[in-house]
């Protein structure tokens, strides 16, 4: 397997991609991530430059749809950008029904999950476990494609394990079934999120299908985005974990694609504005109790590289009032600002 970081690359023309009748404004897509890609996070990523954001995985088991968790995962009319929802399951009829219901609720694109490596998902023969059963994959894809009038896409891994990489076979099958685009995460299910993503398989998929291919896995910087696009020849890239605590990565990559120049680090005042705005949106969307809990993990991601953040997060995680969470963040950034000014003053006096 070739090491992509050792390659000398020249960036390809930055044309815009279409998925069926949907025109993307750029090549950057925010990945669906359970427990992360909720409405506030999708809105933020879109504002920061993602062409499309995809919802958290929604089970096709209609018995759970009445829960608050499932209702909050559905996309709705009025959301900005392309309204895309990801569904998961193993029963073709249930998957088709889930796709229809989400289309009725405003989804403009349906994504099918065959890449999730979680044990609780795989035990139900959903997610990446389906890659071991191409015949069932075909039934699911045909059922969903024929059930809706919006484009249907598919997300997969390179295979179940390194000895059984069958992403090319599944991609070709998907194209035959009417899938409009395919995302490939550069790891097998057995690899989970360990090690480094490999891009040879994504490159092979692109060589064997005519539908758009989206590359996913370990894309953490503008330079890496450029390298992956050039090496795999993918039509777009999908960014997941790298956007946690850094949703402005989409803006950084797009600026580099447009100009060949790297943006300077986001000013502290802008970081503060983004974080506080995000936390407020979480409070409003989930309510004070659940919003408080969910805000904690996002604040952890945002602040993990800042000095004094370890002690601050301990204190932040026991706050039980939304207004106090916001006040604590405001105070933390005031301390950072004062420290920065002091350092600059000392440097000027040397």
Protein backbone atom coordinates (compact mmCIF):
# COMPACT_ATOMS: atom_id res chain seq x y z
CA UNK A 1 0.00 0.00 0.00
CA UNK A 2 1.43 3.36 -1.00
CA UNK A 3 1.94 6.12 1.53
CA UNK A 4 0.00 9.10 0.26
CA UNK A 5 2.10 11.54 2.28
CA UNK A 6 5.15 10.60 0.21
CA UNK A 7 3.48 11.53 -3.06
CA UNK A 8 4.20 14.65 -5.07
CA UNK A 9 0.85 16.00 -6.20
CA UNK A 10 -0.56 18.69 -8.41
CA UNK A 11 -4.10 19.76 -7.66
CA UNK A 12 -6.80 18.88 -10.17
CA UNK A 13 -9.28 21.40 -11.61
CA UNK A 14 -11.84 22.25 -8.95
CA UNK A 15 -15.08 21.52 -10.82
CA UNK A 16 -18.40 21.30 -9.00
CA UNK A 17 -20.02 17.94 -8.38
CA UNK A 18 -23.61 16.86 -8.90
CA UNK A 19 -25.47 14.05 -7.15
CA UNK A 20 -28.46 13.28 -9.32
CA UNK A 21 -30.33 16.57 -9.64
CA UNK A 22 -28.45 18.18 -6.74
CA UNK A 23 -25.65 20.64 -7.46
CA UNK A 24 -23.02 20.93 -4.72
CA UNK A 25 -21.36 24.31 -4.18
CA UNK A 26 -17.98 22.67 -3.55
CA UNK A 27 -16.34 19.30 -2.89
CA UNK A 28 -16.63 19.30 0.89
CA UNK A 29 -19.15 17.14 2.75
CA UNK A 30 -19.67 16.85 6.50
CA UNK A 31 -19.90 13.20 7.53
CA UNK A 32 -22.82 11.67 9.39
CA UNK A 33 -21.65 10.91 12.93
CA UNK A 34 -23.92 9.40 15.57
CA UNK A 35 -24.16 11.66 18.58
CA UNK A 36 -22.44 14.52 16.76
CA UNK A 37 -24.09 15.44 13.45
CA UNK A 38 -27.26 16.85 14.96
CA UNK A 39 -29.09 19.88 13.58
CA UNK A 40 -26.95 22.50 15.40
CA UNK A 41 -23.70 20.87 14.25
CA UNK A 42 -24.93 20.45 10.66
CA UNK A 43 -25.95 24.09 10.54
CA UNK A 44 -22.55 25.15 11.85
CA UNK A 45 -20.63 23.02 9.33
CA UNK A 46 -22.76 24.39 6.50
CA UNK A 47 -22.15 27.94 7.67
CA UNK A 48 -18.42 27.17 7.79
CA UNK A 49 -18.37 26.06 4.17
CA UNK A 50 -19.51 22.43 3.83
CA UNK A 51 -21.44 21.90 0.61
CA UNK A 52 -23.60 19.24 2.22
CA UNK A 53 -24.11 17.88 5.71
CA UNK A 54 -25.62 14.47 6.40
CA UNK A 55 -27.73 13.66 9.44
CA UNK A 56 -26.95 11.20 12.17
CA UNK A 57 -27.77 7.60 11.30
CA UNK A 58 -31.50 6.92 11.68
CA UNK A 59 -32.62 3.34 12.28
CA UNK A 60 -35.15 1.91 9.85
CA UNK A 61 -36.85 0.23 12.82
CA UNK A 62 -40.03 2.29 13.04
CA UNK A 63 -40.65 1.12 16.63
CA UNK A 64 -38.06 3.63 17.84
CA UNK A 65 -39.16 6.58 15.72
CA UNK A 66 -41.37 8.10 18.40
CA UNK A 67 -38.45 8.59 20.75
CA UNK A 68 -37.08 12.11 21.14
CA UNK A 69 -33.71 10.82 19.96
CA UNK A 70 -35.09 9.62 16.62
CA UNK A 71 -37.26 12.69 16.08
CA UNK A 72 -34.25 14.95 16.63
CA UNK A 73 -32.23 12.98 14.09
CA UNK A 74 -34.71 13.52 11.26
CA UNK A 75 -34.11 16.38 8.86
CA UNK A 76 -36.92 18.84 8.30
CA UNK A 77 -38.12 21.50 5.90
CA UNK A 78 -36.45 24.83 6.52
CA UNK A 79 -32.98 23.53 7.33
CA UNK A 80 -30.25 25.33 5.36
CA UNK A 81 -28.44 23.69 2.48
CA UNK A 82 -29.10 20.23 1.11
CA UNK A 83 -31.27 18.23 3.50
CA UNK A 84 -29.63 14.78 3.56
CA UNK A 85 -30.51 11.98 5.98
CA UNK A 86 -28.73 8.69 6.55
CA UNK A 87 -30.72 5.53 7.25
CA UNK A 88 -29.54 2.17 8.58
CA UNK A 89 -31.04 -1.31 8.64
CA UNK A 90 -31.04 -4.73 7.04
CA UNK A 91 -34.67 -5.33 6.00
CA UNK A 92 -35.30 -3.99 2.48
CA UNK A 93 -38.96 -3.18 3.10
CA UNK A 94 -38.17 -1.27 6.30
CA UNK A 95 -35.38 0.65 4.61
CA UNK A 96 -37.70 1.63 1.74
CA UNK A 97 -40.35 2.81 4.19
CA UNK A 98 -37.80 4.81 6.20
CA UNK A 99 -36.62 6.48 3.01
CA UNK A 100 -40.17 7.44 2.01
CA UNK A 101 -41.00 8.86 5.44
CA UNK A 102 -37.85 10.97 5.48
CA UNK A 103 -38.54 12.24 1.98
CA UNK A 104 -42.00 13.29 3.17
CA UNK A 105 -40.38 15.12 6.10
CA UNK A 106 -38.19 17.16 3.78
CA UNK A 107 -35.14 15.04 2.97
CA UNK A 108 -33.69 15.93 -0.42
CA UNK A 109 -31.20 13.06 -0.40
CA UNK A 110 -31.17 9.63 1.26
CA UNK A 111 -27.85 8.08 2.27
CA UNK A 112 -27.65 4.37 3.14
CA UNK A 113 -25.25 3.36 5.91
CA UNK A 114 -23.13 0.31 5.15
CA UNK A 115 -20.03 1.66 6.85
CA UNK A 116 -20.78 1.84 10.57
CA UNK A 117 -18.40 -0.53 12.46
CA UNK A 118 -20.25 -0.46 15.81
CA UNK A 119 -20.92 -3.90 17.28
CA UNK A 120 -24.51 -3.11 18.27
CA UNK A 121 -25.23 -2.10 14.66
CA UNK A 122 -23.37 -5.01 13.08
CA UNK A 123 -25.11 -7.54 15.35
CA UNK A 124 -28.35 -6.62 13.60
CA UNK A 125 -26.69 -7.20 10.21
CA UNK A 126 -26.66 -3.45 9.54
CA UNK A 127 -23.84 -1.02 8.84
CA UNK A 128 -20.61 -2.52 7.56
CA UNK A 129 -21.79 -6.07 8.32
CA UNK A 130 -23.85 -5.87 5.12
CA UNK A 131 -20.69 -5.83 3.01
CA UNK A 132 -20.40 -9.57 3.61
CA UNK A 133 -23.80 -10.13 1.97
CA UNK A 134 -23.87 -8.63 -1.56
CA UNK A 135 -27.22 -10.25 -2.40
CA UNK A 136 -28.88 -8.55 0.56
CA UNK A 137 -27.11 -5.31 -0.34
CA UNK A 138 -28.67 -5.48 -3.79
CA UNK A 139 -32.17 -5.98 -2.37
CA UNK A 140 -31.79 -3.06 0.02
CA UNK A 141 -30.41 -0.71 -2.61
CA UNK A 142 -33.12 -1.51 -5.14
CA UNK A 143 -35.86 -1.19 -2.52
CA UNK A 144 -34.69 2.26 -1.40
CA UNK A 145 -33.95 3.62 -4.87
CA UNK A 146 -37.39 2.57 -6.10
CA UNK A 147 -39.14 3.99 -3.02
CA UNK A 148 -38.19 7.66 -3.37
CA UNK A 149 -37.91 10.43 -5.92
CA UNK A 150 -34.75 11.94 -4.46
CA UNK A 151 -31.15 10.82 -5.07
CA UNK A 152 -29.94 7.86 -3.01
CA UNK A 153 -26.29 7.54 -2.03
CA UNK A 154 -24.32 4.84 -0.22
CA UNK A 155 -21.54 4.91 2.34
CA UNK A 156 -19.28 1.86 2.73
CA UNK A 157 -15.90 0.78 4.02
CA UNK A 158 -13.22 -0.94 1.96
CA UNK A 159 -14.41 -4.33 3.22
CA UNK A 160 -15.08 -6.40 6.32
CA UNK A 161 -11.39 -7.05 7.04
CA UNK A 162 -8.06 -6.56 5.21
CA UNK A 163 -8.30 -10.06 3.70
CA UNK A 164 -11.75 -9.38 2.26
CA UNK A 165 -11.77 -5.97 0.62
CA UNK A 166 -14.78 -5.95 -1.71
CA UNK A 167 -15.52 -2.23 -2.02
CA UNK A 168 -15.10 -2.31 -5.81
CA UNK A 169 -17.66 -5.11 -6.11
CA UNK A 170 -20.13 -3.31 -3.85
CA UNK A 171 -19.60 0.00 -5.66
CA UNK A 172 -20.28 -1.57 -9.05
CA UNK A 173 -23.38 -3.23 -7.64
CA UNK A 174 -24.53 0.10 -6.22
CA UNK A 175 -24.16 1.80 -9.59
CA UNK A 176 -26.20 -0.95 -11.26
CA UNK A 177 -28.95 -0.47 -8.66
CA UNK A 178 -29.27 3.26 -9.30
CA UNK A 179 -27.18 4.69 -6.48
CA UNK A 180 -26.17 8.26 -7.43
CA UNK A 181 -22.90 8.55 -5.48
CA UNK A 182 -20.80 6.42 -3.15
CA UNK A 183 -18.65 7.35 -0.17
CA UNK A 184 -15.76 5.06 0.75
CA UNK A 185 -14.12 5.24 4.16
CA UNK A 186 -10.53 4.06 3.74
CA UNK A 187 -10.62 1.35 6.40
CA UNK A 188 -12.17 -2.08 6.78
CA UNK A 189 -14.70 -2.78 9.48
CA UNK A 190 -12.10 -4.76 11.43
CA UNK A 191 -9.83 -1.71 11.47
CA UNK A 192 -12.52 0.42 13.17
CA UNK A 193 -10.82 3.86 13.37
CA UNK A 194 -7.36 2.54 14.15
CA UNK A 195 -4.20 3.06 12.13
CA UNK A 196 -4.18 5.18 8.99
CA UNK A 197 -6.80 5.31 6.26
CA UNK A 198 -5.66 3.71 3.02
CA UNK A 199 -6.59 5.33 -0.26
CA UNK A 200 -5.62 2.68 -2.80
CA UNK A 201 -9.05 1.07 -2.51
CA UNK A 202 -10.85 4.39 -2.97
CA UNK A 203 -8.73 5.00 -6.07
CA UNK A 204 -9.73 1.58 -7.41
CA UNK A 205 -13.41 2.27 -6.80
CA UNK A 206 -13.13 5.52 -8.76
CA UNK A 207 -11.52 3.62 -11.64
CA UNK A 208 -14.36 1.08 -11.80
CA UNK A 209 -17.54 3.18 -11.57
CA UNK A 210 -18.90 6.23 -13.36
CA UNK A 211 -20.96 7.65 -10.48
CA UNK A 212 -19.34 10.25 -8.19
CA UNK A 213 -17.00 8.84 -5.53
CA UNK A 214 -16.45 10.58 -2.21
CA UNK A 215 -13.25 9.86 -0.27
CA UNK A 216 -13.41 9.65 3.53
CA UNK A 217 -10.91 8.99 6.30
CA UNK A 218 -8.12 10.95 8.03
CA UNK A 219 -8.62 14.15 6.05
CA UNK A 220 -7.41 16.63 8.65
CA UNK A 221 -5.91 19.58 6.79
CA UNK A 222 -6.03 21.49 3.50
CA UNK A 223 -2.84 19.77 2.31
CA UNK A 224 -4.24 16.32 3.12
CA UNK A 225 -7.49 17.18 1.34
CA UNK A 226 -5.54 18.15 -1.78
CA UNK A 227 -3.43 15.00 -1.63
CA UNK A 228 -6.41 12.67 -1.23
CA UNK A 229 -8.31 14.27 -4.08
CA UNK A 230 -5.33 14.08 -6.40
CA UNK A 231 -4.35 10.53 -5.54
CA UNK A 232 -7.78 8.92 -5.46
CA UNK A 233 -9.25 11.12 -8.22
CA UNK A 234 -12.37 11.23 -6.04
CA UNK A 235 -15.07 13.76 -6.89
CA UNK A 236 -15.36 15.06 -3.32
CA UNK A 237 -14.14 14.46 0.22
CA UNK A 238 -16.06 13.76 3.40
CA UNK A 239 -14.79 15.05 6.72
CA UNK A 240 -15.89 13.64 10.06
CA UNK A 241 -13.76 13.56 13.20
CA UNK A 242 -11.50 16.39 12.02
CA UNK A 243 -14.49 18.75 12.21
CA UNK A 244 -15.16 17.94 15.86
CA UNK A 245 -14.01 21.04 17.71
CA UNK A 246 -12.86 22.56 14.43
CA UNK A 247 -15.83 23.06 12.10
CA UNK A 248 -13.94 25.87 10.38
CA UNK A 249 -11.82 23.17 8.67
CA UNK A 250 -14.24 23.40 5.73
CA UNK A 251 -13.50 27.10 5.34
CA UNK A 252 -9.76 26.44 5.60
CA UNK A 253 -9.81 23.73 2.93
CA UNK A 254 -12.00 25.71 0.56
CA UNK A 255 -9.79 28.79 0.86
CA UNK A 256 -6.73 26.70 0.07
CA UNK A 257 -8.47 25.10 -2.91
CA UNK A 258 -9.44 28.53 -4.22
CA UNK A 259 -6.17 30.40 -3.62
CA UNK A 260 -3.39 27.93 -2.88
CA UNK A 261 -2.82 29.77 0.39
CA UNK A 262 -3.43 28.69 3.97
CA UNK A 263 -5.68 30.78 6.14
CA UNK A 264 -4.11 32.09 9.36
CA UNK A 265 -5.35 30.50 12.60
CA UNK A 266 -8.86 31.57 13.53
CA UNK A 267 -8.68 34.64 15.82
CA UNK A 268 -9.48 33.96 19.45
CA UNK A 269 -12.52 36.25 19.35
CA UNK A 270 -13.94 34.29 16.40
CA UNK A 271 -13.32 30.96 18.14
CA UNK A 272 -15.19 32.30 21.15
CA UNK A 273 -18.09 33.44 18.97
CA UNK A 274 -18.38 30.04 17.28
CA UNK A 275 -18.24 28.04 20.51
CA UNK A 276 -20.71 30.17 22.44
CA UNK A 277 -23.08 30.26 19.48
CA UNK A 278 -22.88 26.48 19.15
CA UNK A 279 -23.53 25.92 22.86
CA UNK A 280 -26.53 28.27 22.76
CA UNK A 281 -27.93 26.34 19.79
CA UNK A 282 -27.51 23.06 21.69
CA UNK A 283 -29.39 24.49 24.68
CA UNK A 284 -32.21 25.68 22.42
CA UNK A 285 -32.44 22.47 20.40
CA UNK A 286 -32.25 19.89 23.18
CA UNK A 287 -33.50 21.84 26.19
CA UNK A 288 -31.53 22.73 29.29
CA UNK A 289 -30.92 19.22 30.67
CA UNK A 290 -29.82 17.33 27.57
CA UNK A 291 -28.32 20.44 25.99
CA UNK A 292 -25.99 20.87 28.96
CA UNK A 293 -24.70 17.31 28.65
CA UNK A 294 -24.16 17.42 24.91
CA UNK A 295 -22.43 20.80 25.12
CA UNK A 296 -19.77 19.29 27.40
CA UNK A 297 -18.30 16.97 24.76
CA UNK A 298 -18.25 19.69 22.12
CA UNK A 299 -16.51 22.10 24.49
CA UNK A 300 -13.96 19.37 25.22
CA UNK A 301 -13.19 19.06 21.50
CA UNK A 302 -13.03 22.82 21.00
CA UNK A 303 -10.71 23.57 23.91
CA UNK A 304 -8.44 20.54 24.21
CA UNK A 305 -5.45 22.34 22.67
CA UNK A 306 -5.75 25.51 24.77
CA UNK A 307 -3.70 26.14 27.93
CA UNK A 308 -5.66 25.91 31.17
CA UNK A 309 -8.37 23.87 29.45
CA UNK A 310 -7.96 20.72 31.57
CA UNK A 311 -8.90 22.46 34.82
CA UNK A 312 -11.58 24.51 33.07
CA UNK A 313 -13.25 21.40 31.60
CA UNK A 314 -13.43 19.79 35.04
CA UNK A 315 -15.28 22.84 36.31
CA UNK A 316 -17.41 23.16 33.16
CA UNK A 317 -18.59 19.55 33.33
CA UNK A 318 -20.31 20.02 36.69
CA UNK A 319 -22.24 23.16 35.73
CA UNK A 320 -25.99 22.48 35.76
CA UNK A 321 -27.35 25.73 34.40
CA UNK A 322 -27.26 26.92 30.75
CA UNK A 323 -26.58 30.55 31.64
CA UNK A 324 -23.72 29.51 33.90
CA UNK A 325 -22.20 27.39 31.11
CA UNK A 326 -22.17 30.42 28.82
CA UNK A 327 -20.79 32.68 31.55
CA UNK A 328 -18.00 30.19 32.28
CA UNK A 329 -17.02 30.12 28.60
CA UNK A 330 -17.04 33.90 28.43
CA UNK A 331 -14.77 34.09 31.48
CA UNK A 332 -12.42 31.42 30.10
CA UNK A 333 -11.90 33.34 26.88
CA UNK A 334 -11.39 36.56 28.80
CA UNK A 335 -8.54 34.86 30.67
CA UNK A 336 -7.05 33.57 27.39
CA UNK A 337 -7.30 37.04 25.87
CA UNK A 338 -5.55 38.65 28.83
CA UNK A 339 -2.80 36.01 28.72
CA UNK A 340 -2.29 36.63 25.02
CA UNK A 341 -2.00 40.38 25.54
CA UNK A 342 0.49 39.87 28.38
CA UNK A 343 2.67 37.58 26.27
CA UNK A 344 2.63 40.08 23.39
CA UNK A 345 3.52 42.92 25.75
CA UNK A 346 6.45 40.99 27.21
CA UNK A 347 7.68 40.09 23.73
CA UNK A 348 7.60 43.73 22.63
CA UNK A 349 9.60 44.79 25.68
CA UNK A 350 12.41 42.27 25.15
